[in-house]
């Protein structure tokens, strides 16, 4: 469906990474208690944005980065994809 998607400007295309369904102590978390994942892998990035003097400022993230974003960030595209502005990314998970 979105195989040839290329985000524009400072947008990034993110595939959500589902969190582990089991706690560190070995307990399984039921589906009703799970929330949507707030981590994902960047699948594509836009070209960046222009600053006040017209120079193109590239994005700080790149394809393949694992990121953490806010609960209500971005726009859903299908079950496991989002389009997020770079400003909504809280950090890169190392």
PDB file of N, CA and C in Angstrom:
ATOM      1  N   UNK A   1       0.827  -1.200   0.000  1.00  0.00           N
ATOM      2  CA  UNK A   1       0.000   0.000   0.000  1.00  0.00           C
ATOM      3  C   UNK A   1       0.869   1.261   0.000  1.00  0.00           C
ATOM      4  N   UNK A   2       1.868   1.338   0.880  1.00  0.00           N
ATOM      5  CA  UNK A   2       2.717   2.524   0.970  1.00  0.00           C
ATOM      6  C   UNK A   2       4.163   2.211   0.596  1.00  0.00           C
ATOM      7  N   UNK A   3       4.376   1.312  -0.330  1.00  0.00           N
ATOM      8  CA  UNK A   3       5.725   0.865  -0.655  1.00  0.00           C
ATOM      9  C   UNK A   3       6.597   1.979  -1.217  1.00  0.00           C
ATOM     10  N   UNK A   4       6.024   2.897  -1.954  1.00  0.00           N
ATOM     11  CA  UNK A   4       6.798   3.967  -2.578  1.00  0.00           C
ATOM     12  C   UNK A   4       6.533   5.317  -1.924  1.00  0.00           C
ATOM     13  N   UNK A   5       6.237   5.319  -0.648  1.00  0.00           N
ATOM     14  CA  UNK A   5       5.922   6.557   0.068  1.00  0.00           C
ATOM     15  C   UNK A   5       7.206   7.323   0.379  1.00  0.00           C
ATOM     16  N   UNK A   6       7.209   8.620   0.074  1.00  0.00           N
ATOM     17  CA  UNK A   6       8.343   9.492   0.385  1.00  0.00           C
ATOM     18  C   UNK A   6       7.801  10.712   1.117  1.00  0.00           C
ATOM     19  N   UNK A   7       8.128  10.881   2.405  1.00  0.00           N
ATOM     20  CA  UNK A   7       7.636  12.030   3.158  1.00  0.00           C
ATOM     21  C   UNK A   7       8.264  13.333   2.656  1.00  0.00           C
ATOM     22  N   UNK A   8       7.564  14.413   2.840  1.00  0.00           N
ATOM     23  CA  UNK A   8       8.032  15.736   2.413  1.00  0.00           C
ATOM     24  C   UNK A   8       8.495  16.554   3.612  1.00  0.00           C
ATOM     25  N   UNK A   9       9.350  17.524   3.353  1.00  0.00           N
ATOM     26  CA  UNK A   9       9.794  18.463   4.384  1.00  0.00           C
ATOM     27  C   UNK A   9      10.445  17.782   5.565  1.00  0.00           C
ATOM     28  N   UNK A  10       9.963  18.110   6.768  1.00  0.00           N
ATOM     29  CA  UNK A  10      10.558  17.546   7.978  1.00  0.00           C
ATOM     30  C   UNK A  10       9.743  16.382   8.535  1.00  0.00           C
ATOM     31  N   UNK A  11       9.026  15.675   7.678  1.00  0.00           N
ATOM     32  CA  UNK A  11       8.254  14.504   8.082  1.00  0.00           C
ATOM     33  C   UNK A  11       9.075  13.235   7.946  1.00  0.00           C
ATOM     34  N   UNK A  12       8.762  12.251   8.793  1.00  0.00           N
ATOM     35  CA  UNK A  12       9.403  10.939   8.712  1.00  0.00           C
ATOM     36  C   UNK A  12       8.329   9.867   8.693  1.00  0.00           C
ATOM     37  N   UNK A  13       8.611   8.754   8.020  1.00  0.00           N
ATOM     38  CA  UNK A  13       7.723   7.598   7.908  1.00  0.00           C
ATOM     39  C   UNK A  13       8.214   6.568   8.911  1.00  0.00           C
ATOM     40  N   UNK A  14       7.356   6.172   9.841  1.00  0.00           N
ATOM     41  CA  UNK A  14       7.759   5.320  10.962  1.00  0.00           C
ATOM     42  C   UNK A  14       6.910   4.056  11.009  1.00  0.00           C
ATOM     43  N   UNK A  15       7.572   2.926  11.221  1.00  0.00           N
ATOM     44  CA  UNK A  15       6.868   1.678  11.477  1.00  0.00           C
ATOM     45  C   UNK A  15       6.947   1.414  12.970  1.00  0.00           C
ATOM     46  N   UNK A  16       5.786   1.280  13.610  1.00  0.00           N
ATOM     47  CA  UNK A  16       5.752   1.018  15.052  1.00  0.00           C
ATOM     48  C   UNK A  16       6.406  -0.315  15.378  1.00  0.00           C
ATOM     49  N   UNK A  17       7.090  -0.368  16.522  1.00  0.00           N
ATOM     50  CA  UNK A  17       7.684  -1.595  17.029  1.00  0.00           C
ATOM     51  C   UNK A  17       6.851  -2.017  18.226  1.00  0.00           C
ATOM     52  N   UNK A  18       6.244  -3.184  18.126  1.00  0.00           N
ATOM     53  CA  UNK A  18       5.400  -3.677  19.216  1.00  0.00           C
ATOM     54  C   UNK A  18       6.257  -4.023  20.427  1.00  0.00           C
ATOM     55  N   UNK A  19       5.754  -3.672  21.583  1.00  0.00           N
ATOM     56  CA  UNK A  19       6.476  -3.931  22.818  1.00  0.00           C
ATOM     57  C   UNK A  19       6.285  -5.375  23.263  1.00  0.00           C
ATOM     58  N   UNK A  20       7.166  -5.834  24.108  1.00  0.00           N
ATOM     59  CA  UNK A  20       7.131  -7.199  24.621  1.00  0.00           C
ATOM     60  C   UNK A  20       5.833  -7.424  25.396  1.00  0.00           C
ATOM     61  N   UNK A  21       5.196  -8.567  25.201  1.00  0.00           N
ATOM     62  CA  UNK A  21       3.938  -8.885  25.874  1.00  0.00           C
ATOM     63  C   UNK A  21       4.160  -9.530  27.231  1.00  0.00           C
ATOM     64  N   UNK A  22       5.431  -9.588  27.660  1.00  0.00           N
ATOM     65  CA  UNK A  22       5.765 -10.241  28.929  1.00  0.00           C
ATOM     66  C   UNK A  22       6.624  -9.295  29.758  1.00  0.00           C
ATOM     67  N   UNK A  23       6.378  -9.225  31.040  1.00  0.00           N
ATOM     68  CA  UNK A  23       7.165  -8.371  31.925  1.00  0.00           C
ATOM     69  C   UNK A  23       8.502  -9.037  32.246  1.00  0.00           C
ATOM     70  N   UNK A  24       9.385  -8.283  32.884  1.00  0.00           N
ATOM     71  CA  UNK A  24      10.695  -8.822  33.278  1.00  0.00           C
ATOM     72  C   UNK A  24      10.546  -9.970  34.262  1.00  0.00           C
ATOM     73  N   UNK A  25       9.479  -9.968  35.029  1.00  0.00           N
ATOM     74  CA  UNK A  25       9.235 -11.036  36.005  1.00  0.00           C
ATOM     75  C   UNK A  25       8.583 -12.269  35.413  1.00  0.00           C
ATOM     76  N   UNK A  26       8.261 -12.224  34.106  1.00  0.00           N
ATOM     77  CA  UNK A  26       7.696 -13.388  33.443  1.00  0.00           C
ATOM     78  C   UNK A  26       6.184 -13.382  33.310  1.00  0.00           C
ATOM     79  N   UNK A  27       5.522 -12.309  33.742  1.00  0.00           N
ATOM     80  CA  UNK A  27       4.065 -12.229  33.633  1.00  0.00           C
ATOM     81  C   UNK A  27       3.667 -11.724  32.247  1.00  0.00           C
ATOM     82  N   UNK A  28       2.632 -12.305  31.693  1.00  0.00           N
ATOM     83  CA  UNK A  28       2.131 -11.864  30.392  1.00  0.00           C
ATOM     84  C   UNK A  28       1.132 -10.733  30.576  1.00  0.00           C
ATOM     85  N   UNK A  29       1.229  -9.728  29.715  1.00  0.00           N
ATOM     86  CA  UNK A  29       0.333  -8.573  29.771  1.00  0.00           C
ATOM     87  C   UNK A  29      -0.842  -8.845  28.842  1.00  0.00           C
ATOM     88  N   UNK A  30      -2.082  -8.781  29.344  1.00  0.00           N
ATOM     89  CA  UNK A  30      -3.237  -9.022  28.474  1.00  0.00           C
ATOM     90  C   UNK A  30      -3.408  -7.891  27.458  1.00  0.00           C
ATOM     91  N   UNK A  31      -4.028  -8.204  26.332  1.00  0.00           N
ATOM     92  CA  UNK A  31      -4.224  -7.218  25.265  1.00  0.00           C
ATOM     93  C   UNK A  31      -4.988  -5.992  25.745  1.00  0.00           C
ATOM     94  N   UNK A  32      -5.923  -6.181  26.657  1.00  0.00           N
ATOM     95  CA  UNK A  32      -6.724  -5.065  27.154  1.00  0.00           C
ATOM     96  C   UNK A  32      -5.883  -4.050  27.928  1.00  0.00           C
ATOM     97  N   UNK A  33      -4.766  -4.477  28.495  1.00  0.00           N
ATOM     98  CA  UNK A  33      -3.933  -3.590  29.304  1.00  0.00           C
ATOM     99  C   UNK A  33      -2.830  -2.919  28.489  1.00  0.00           C
ATOM    100  N   UNK A  34      -2.623  -3.365  27.264  1.00  0.00           N
ATOM    101  CA  UNK A  34      -1.556  -2.806  26.429  1.00  0.00           C
ATOM    102  C   UNK A  34      -1.976  -1.468  25.838  1.00  0.00           C
ATOM    103  N   UNK A  35      -1.010  -0.590  25.671  1.00  0.00           N
ATOM    104  CA  UNK A  35      -1.245   0.658  24.949  1.00  0.00           C
ATOM    105  C   UNK A  35      -0.450   0.588  23.652  1.00  0.00           C
ATOM    106  N   UNK A  36      -0.730   1.503  22.733  1.00  0.00           N
ATOM    107  CA  UNK A  36      -0.013   1.501  21.470  1.00  0.00           C
ATOM    108  C   UNK A  36       1.462   1.795  21.705  1.00  0.00           C
ATOM    109  N   UNK A  37       2.290   1.170  20.896  1.00  0.00           N
ATOM    110  CA  UNK A  37       3.735   1.342  21.025  1.00  0.00           C
ATOM    111  C   UNK A  37       4.130   2.795  20.777  1.00  0.00           C
ATOM    112  N   UNK A  38       5.129   3.265  21.516  1.00  0.00           N
ATOM    113  CA  UNK A  38       5.651   4.606  21.346  1.00  0.00           C
ATOM    114  C   UNK A  38       7.075   4.565  20.822  1.00  0.00           C
ATOM    115  N   UNK A  39       7.471   3.433  20.300  1.00  0.00           N
ATOM    116  CA  UNK A  39       8.770   3.309  19.654  1.00  0.00           C
ATOM    117  C   UNK A  39       8.555   2.826  18.230  1.00  0.00           C
ATOM    118  N   UNK A  40       9.498   3.156  17.374  1.00  0.00           N
ATOM    119  CA  UNK A  40       9.377   2.738  15.989  1.00  0.00           C
ATOM    120  C   UNK A  40      10.702   2.843  15.258  1.00  0.00           C
ATOM    121  N   UNK A  41      10.711   2.307  14.051  1.00  0.00           N
ATOM    122  CA  UNK A  41      11.874   2.344  13.179  1.00  0.00           C
ATOM    123  C   UNK A  41      11.561   3.288  12.030  1.00  0.00           C
ATOM    124  N   UNK A  42      12.470   4.192  11.731  1.00  0.00           N
ATOM    125  CA  UNK A  42      12.265   5.135  10.627  1.00  0.00           C
ATOM    126  C   UNK A  42      12.473   4.406   9.306  1.00  0.00           C
ATOM    127  N   UNK A  43      11.456   4.469   8.454  1.00  0.00           N
ATOM    128  CA  UNK A  43      11.489   3.794   7.164  1.00  0.00           C
ATOM    129  C   UNK A  43      11.881   4.752   6.030  1.00  0.00           C
ATOM    130  N   UNK A  44      11.552   6.040   6.163  1.00  0.00           N
ATOM    131  CA  UNK A  44      11.891   7.041   5.148  1.00  0.00           C
ATOM    132  C   UNK A  44      11.881   8.414   5.802  1.00  0.00           C
ATOM    133  N   UNK A  45      12.684   9.326   5.277  1.00  0.00           N
ATOM    134  CA  UNK A  45      12.745  10.694   5.812  1.00  0.00           C
ATOM    135  C   UNK A  45      12.540  11.702   4.686  1.00  0.00           C
ATOM    136  N   UNK A  46      12.033  12.872   5.056  1.00  0.00           N
ATOM    137  CA  UNK A  46      11.890  13.965   4.098  1.00  0.00           C
ATOM    138  C   UNK A  46      13.230  14.642   3.846  1.00  0.00           C
ATOM    139  N   UNK A  47      13.210  15.662   3.020  1.00  0.00           N
ATOM    140  CA  UNK A  47      14.445  16.356   2.633  1.00  0.00           C
ATOM    141  C   UNK A  47      14.919  17.340   3.681  1.00  0.00           C
ATOM    142  N   UNK A  48      14.040  17.770   4.568  1.00  0.00           N
ATOM    143  CA  UNK A  48      14.389  18.765   5.574  1.00  0.00           C
ATOM    144  C   UNK A  48      13.554  20.021   5.360  1.00  0.00           C
ATOM    145  N   UNK A  49      13.882  21.072   6.104  1.00  0.00           N
ATOM    146  CA  UNK A  49      13.157  22.334   5.967  1.00  0.00           C
ATOM    147  C   UNK A  49      14.144  23.456   5.667  1.00  0.00           C
ATOM    148  N   UNK A  50      13.627  24.544   5.192  1.00  0.00           N
ATOM    149  CA  UNK A  50      14.465  25.702   4.877  1.00  0.00           C
ATOM    150  C   UNK A  50      14.478  26.660   6.059  1.00  0.00           C
ATOM    151  N   UNK A  51      15.659  27.213   6.358  1.00  0.00           N
ATOM    152  CA  UNK A  51      15.762  28.185   7.444  1.00  0.00           C
ATOM    153  C   UNK A  51      15.381  29.571   6.914  1.00  0.00           C
ATOM    154  N   UNK A  52      15.564  30.593   7.726  1.00  0.00           N
ATOM    155  CA  UNK A  52      15.121  31.943   7.360  1.00  0.00           C
ATOM    156  C   UNK A  52      15.869  32.531   6.174  1.00  0.00           C
ATOM    157  N   UNK A  53      17.078  32.050   5.914  1.00  0.00           N
ATOM    158  CA  UNK A  53      17.827  32.588   4.769  1.00  0.00           C
ATOM    159  C   UNK A  53      17.771  31.658   3.553  1.00  0.00           C
ATOM    160  N   UNK A  54      16.911  30.649   3.628  1.00  0.00           N
ATOM    161  CA  UNK A  54      16.671  29.795   2.477  1.00  0.00           C
ATOM    162  C   UNK A  54      17.558  28.571   2.347  1.00  0.00           C
ATOM    163  N   UNK A  55      18.430  28.326   3.314  1.00  0.00           N
ATOM    164  CA  UNK A  55      19.293  27.146   3.252  1.00  0.00           C
ATOM    165  C   UNK A  55      18.514  25.915   3.723  1.00  0.00           C
ATOM    166  N   UNK A  56      18.742  24.788   3.061  1.00  0.00           N
ATOM    167  CA  UNK A  56      18.083  23.544   3.434  1.00  0.00           C
ATOM    168  C   UNK A  56      18.774  22.948   4.657  1.00  0.00           C
ATOM    169  N   UNK A  57      18.000  22.726   5.714  1.00  0.00           N
ATOM    170  CA  UNK A  57      18.506  22.123   6.950  1.00  0.00           C
ATOM    171  C   UNK A  57      18.049  20.668   6.955  1.00  0.00           C
ATOM    172  N   UNK A  58      18.987  19.715   6.811  1.00  0.00           N
ATOM    173  CA  UNK A  58      18.589  18.298   6.783  1.00  0.00           C
ATOM    174  C   UNK A  58      18.110  17.821   8.146  1.00  0.00           C
ATOM    175  N   UNK A  59      17.389  16.702   8.150  1.00  0.00           N
ATOM    176  CA  UNK A  59      16.884  16.137   9.392  1.00  0.00           C
ATOM    177  C   UNK A  59      18.019  15.512  10.207  1.00  0.00           C
ATOM    178  N   UNK A  60      17.836  15.438  11.523  1.00  0.00           N
ATOM    179  CA  UNK A  60      18.833  14.854  12.414  1.00  0.00           C
ATOM    180  C   UNK A  60      18.717  13.334  12.489  1.00  0.00           C
ATOM    181  N   UNK A  61      17.590  12.795  12.053  1.00  0.00           N
ATOM    182  CA  UNK A  61      17.379  11.351  12.083  1.00  0.00           C
ATOM    183  C   UNK A  61      17.594  10.778  10.688  1.00  0.00           C
ATOM    184  N   UNK A  62      17.807   9.457  10.624  1.00  0.00           N
ATOM    185  CA  UNK A  62      18.033   8.813   9.331  1.00  0.00           C
ATOM    186  C   UNK A  62      17.269   7.493   9.277  1.00  0.00           C
ATOM    187  N   UNK A  63      17.147   6.945   8.100  1.00  0.00           N
ATOM    188  CA  UNK A  63      16.469   5.671   7.909  1.00  0.00           C
ATOM    189  C   UNK A  63      17.173   4.601   8.749  1.00  0.00           C
ATOM    190  N   UNK A  64      16.378   3.810   9.462  1.00  0.00           N
ATOM    191  CA  UNK A  64      16.914   2.747  10.299  1.00  0.00           C
ATOM    192  C   UNK A  64      17.042   3.106  11.765  1.00  0.00           C
ATOM    193  N   UNK A  65      16.950   4.396  12.112  1.00  0.00           N
ATOM    194  CA  UNK A  65      17.020   4.801  13.521  1.00  0.00           C
ATOM    195  C   UNK A  65      15.791   4.281  14.268  1.00  0.00           C
ATOM    196  N   UNK A  66      15.999   3.797  15.494  1.00  0.00           N
ATOM    197  CA  UNK A  66      14.891   3.430  16.374  1.00  0.00           C
ATOM    198  C   UNK A  66      14.598   4.649  17.223  1.00  0.00           C
ATOM    199  N   UNK A  67      13.350   5.096  17.216  1.00  0.00           N
ATOM    200  CA  UNK A  67      13.005   6.350  17.887  1.00  0.00           C
ATOM    201  C   UNK A  67      11.923   6.134  18.944  1.00  0.00           C
ATOM    202  N   UNK A  68      11.819   7.102  19.835  1.00  0.00           N
ATOM    203  CA  UNK A  68      10.782   7.170  20.858  1.00  0.00           C
ATOM    204  C   UNK A  68       9.992   8.443  20.593  1.00  0.00           C
ATOM    205  N   UNK A  69       8.664   8.351  20.585  1.00  0.00           N
ATOM    206  CA  UNK A  69       7.826   9.512  20.297  1.00  0.00           C
ATOM    207  C   UNK A  69       6.658   9.560  21.268  1.00  0.00           C
ATOM    208  N   UNK A  70       6.007  10.706  21.329  1.00  0.00           N
ATOM    209  CA  UNK A  70       4.891  10.903  22.250  1.00  0.00           C
ATOM    210  C   UNK A  70       3.678  10.060  21.899  1.00  0.00           C
ATOM    211  N   UNK A  71       2.836   9.828  22.881  1.00  0.00           N
ATOM    212  CA  UNK A  71       1.662   8.968  22.737  1.00  0.00           C
ATOM    213  C   UNK A  71       0.707   9.454  21.647  1.00  0.00           C
ATOM    214  N   UNK A  72       0.542  10.737  21.497  1.00  0.00           N
ATOM    215  CA  UNK A  72      -0.416  11.283  20.532  1.00  0.00           C
ATOM    216  C   UNK A  72       0.274  11.908  19.328  1.00  0.00           C
ATOM    217  N   UNK A  73       1.504  11.539  19.065  1.00  0.00           N
ATOM    218  CA  UNK A  73       2.278  12.109  17.962  1.00  0.00           C
ATOM    219  C   UNK A  73       1.874  11.510  16.622  1.00  0.00           C
ATOM    220  N   UNK A  74       2.012  12.312  15.592  1.00  0.00           N
ATOM    221  CA  UNK A  74       1.882  11.822  14.228  1.00  0.00           C
ATOM    222  C   UNK A  74       0.480  11.549  13.751  1.00  0.00           C
ATOM    223  N   UNK A  75       0.425  11.073  12.519  1.00  0.00           N
ATOM    224  CA  UNK A  75      -0.822  10.718  11.863  1.00  0.00           C
ATOM    225  C   UNK A  75      -0.745   9.251  11.477  1.00  0.00           C
ATOM    226  N   UNK A  76      -1.742   8.467  11.886  1.00  0.00           N
ATOM    227  CA  UNK A  76      -1.748   7.043  11.580  1.00  0.00           C
ATOM    228  C   UNK A  76      -1.913   6.821  10.083  1.00  0.00           C
ATOM    229  N   UNK A  77      -1.216   5.812   9.595  1.00  0.00           N
ATOM    230  CA  UNK A  77      -1.348   5.382   8.203  1.00  0.00           C
ATOM    231  C   UNK A  77      -1.358   3.861   8.222  1.00  0.00           C
ATOM    232  N   UNK A  78      -2.524   3.278   8.308  1.00  0.00           N
ATOM    233  CA  UNK A  78      -2.621   1.830   8.428  1.00  0.00           C
ATOM    234  C   UNK A  78      -2.477   1.401   9.871  1.00  0.00           C
ATOM    235  N   UNK A  79      -2.321   0.091  10.070  1.00  0.00           N
ATOM    236  CA  UNK A  79      -2.241  -0.469  11.420  1.00  0.00           C
ATOM    237  C   UNK A  79      -0.950  -0.138  12.154  1.00  0.00           C
ATOM    238  N   UNK A  80       0.173  -0.172  11.459  1.00  0.00           N
ATOM    239  CA  UNK A  80       1.444  -0.061  12.174  1.00  0.00           C
ATOM    240  C   UNK A  80       2.366   1.039  11.650  1.00  0.00           C
ATOM    241  N   UNK A  81       1.840   1.978  10.881  1.00  0.00           N
ATOM    242  CA  UNK A  81       2.677   3.055  10.340  1.00  0.00           C
ATOM    243  C   UNK A  81       2.176   4.416  10.789  1.00  0.00           C
ATOM    244  N   UNK A  82       3.113   5.372  10.868  1.00  0.00           N
ATOM    245  CA  UNK A  82       2.807   6.756  11.232  1.00  0.00           C
ATOM    246  C   UNK A  82       3.626   7.696  10.359  1.00  0.00           C
ATOM    247  N   UNK A  83       3.095   8.889  10.152  1.00  0.00           N
ATOM    248  CA  UNK A  83       3.877   9.989   9.594  1.00  0.00           C
ATOM    249  C   UNK A  83       4.031  10.984  10.736  1.00  0.00           C
ATOM    250  N   UNK A  84       5.286  11.261  11.114  1.00  0.00           N
ATOM    251  CA  UNK A  84       5.583  12.109  12.268  1.00  0.00           C
ATOM    252  C   UNK A  84       6.499  13.250  11.836  1.00  0.00           C
ATOM    253  N   UNK A  85       6.254  14.441  12.365  1.00  0.00           N
ATOM    254  CA  UNK A  85       7.191  15.546  12.158  1.00  0.00           C
ATOM    255  C   UNK A  85       8.419  15.300  13.034  1.00  0.00           C
ATOM    256  N   UNK A  86       9.566  15.721  12.542  1.00  0.00           N
ATOM    257  CA  UNK A  86      10.794  15.516  13.306  1.00  0.00           C
ATOM    258  C   UNK A  86      10.698  16.157  14.693  1.00  0.00           C
ATOM    259  N   UNK A  87       9.985  17.263  14.812  1.00  0.00           N
ATOM    260  CA  UNK A  87       9.834  17.945  16.102  1.00  0.00           C
ATOM    261  C   UNK A  87       9.115  17.082  17.144  1.00  0.00           C
ATOM    262  N   UNK A  88       8.311  16.102  16.698  1.00  0.00           N
ATOM    263  CA  UNK A  88       7.551  15.257  17.615  1.00  0.00           C
ATOM    264  C   UNK A  88       8.359  14.056  18.116  1.00  0.00           C
ATOM    265  N   UNK A  89       9.534  13.839  17.547  1.00  0.00           N
ATOM    266  CA  UNK A  89      10.387  12.745  17.994  1.00  0.00           C
ATOM    267  C   UNK A  89      11.100  13.173  19.271  1.00  0.00           C
ATOM    268  N   UNK A  90      10.961  12.364  20.316  1.00  0.00           N
ATOM    269  CA  UNK A  90      11.538  12.711  21.612  1.00  0.00           C
ATOM    270  C   UNK A  90      12.986  12.279  21.733  1.00  0.00           C
ATOM    271  N   UNK A  91      13.375  11.223  21.017  1.00  0.00           N
ATOM    272  CA  UNK A  91      14.763  10.782  21.097  1.00  0.00           C
ATOM    273  C   UNK A  91      15.024   9.558  20.255  1.00  0.00           C
ATOM    274  N   UNK A  92      16.300   9.266  20.087  1.00  0.00           N
ATOM    275  CA  UNK A  92      16.744   8.080  19.364  1.00  0.00           C
ATOM    276  C   UNK A  92      17.142   7.036  20.394  1.00  0.00           C
ATOM    277  N   UNK A  93      16.625   5.817  20.235  1.00  0.00           N
ATOM    278  CA  UNK A  93      16.937   4.719  21.157  1.00  0.00           C
ATOM    279  C   UNK A  93      18.187   4.028  20.646  1.00  0.00           C
ATOM    280  N   UNK A  94      19.224   3.969  21.472  1.00  0.00           N
ATOM    281  CA  UNK A  94      20.499   3.369  21.064  1.00  0.00           C
ATOM    282  C   UNK A  94      20.542   1.902  21.386  1.00  0.00           C
TER     283      UNK A  94
END
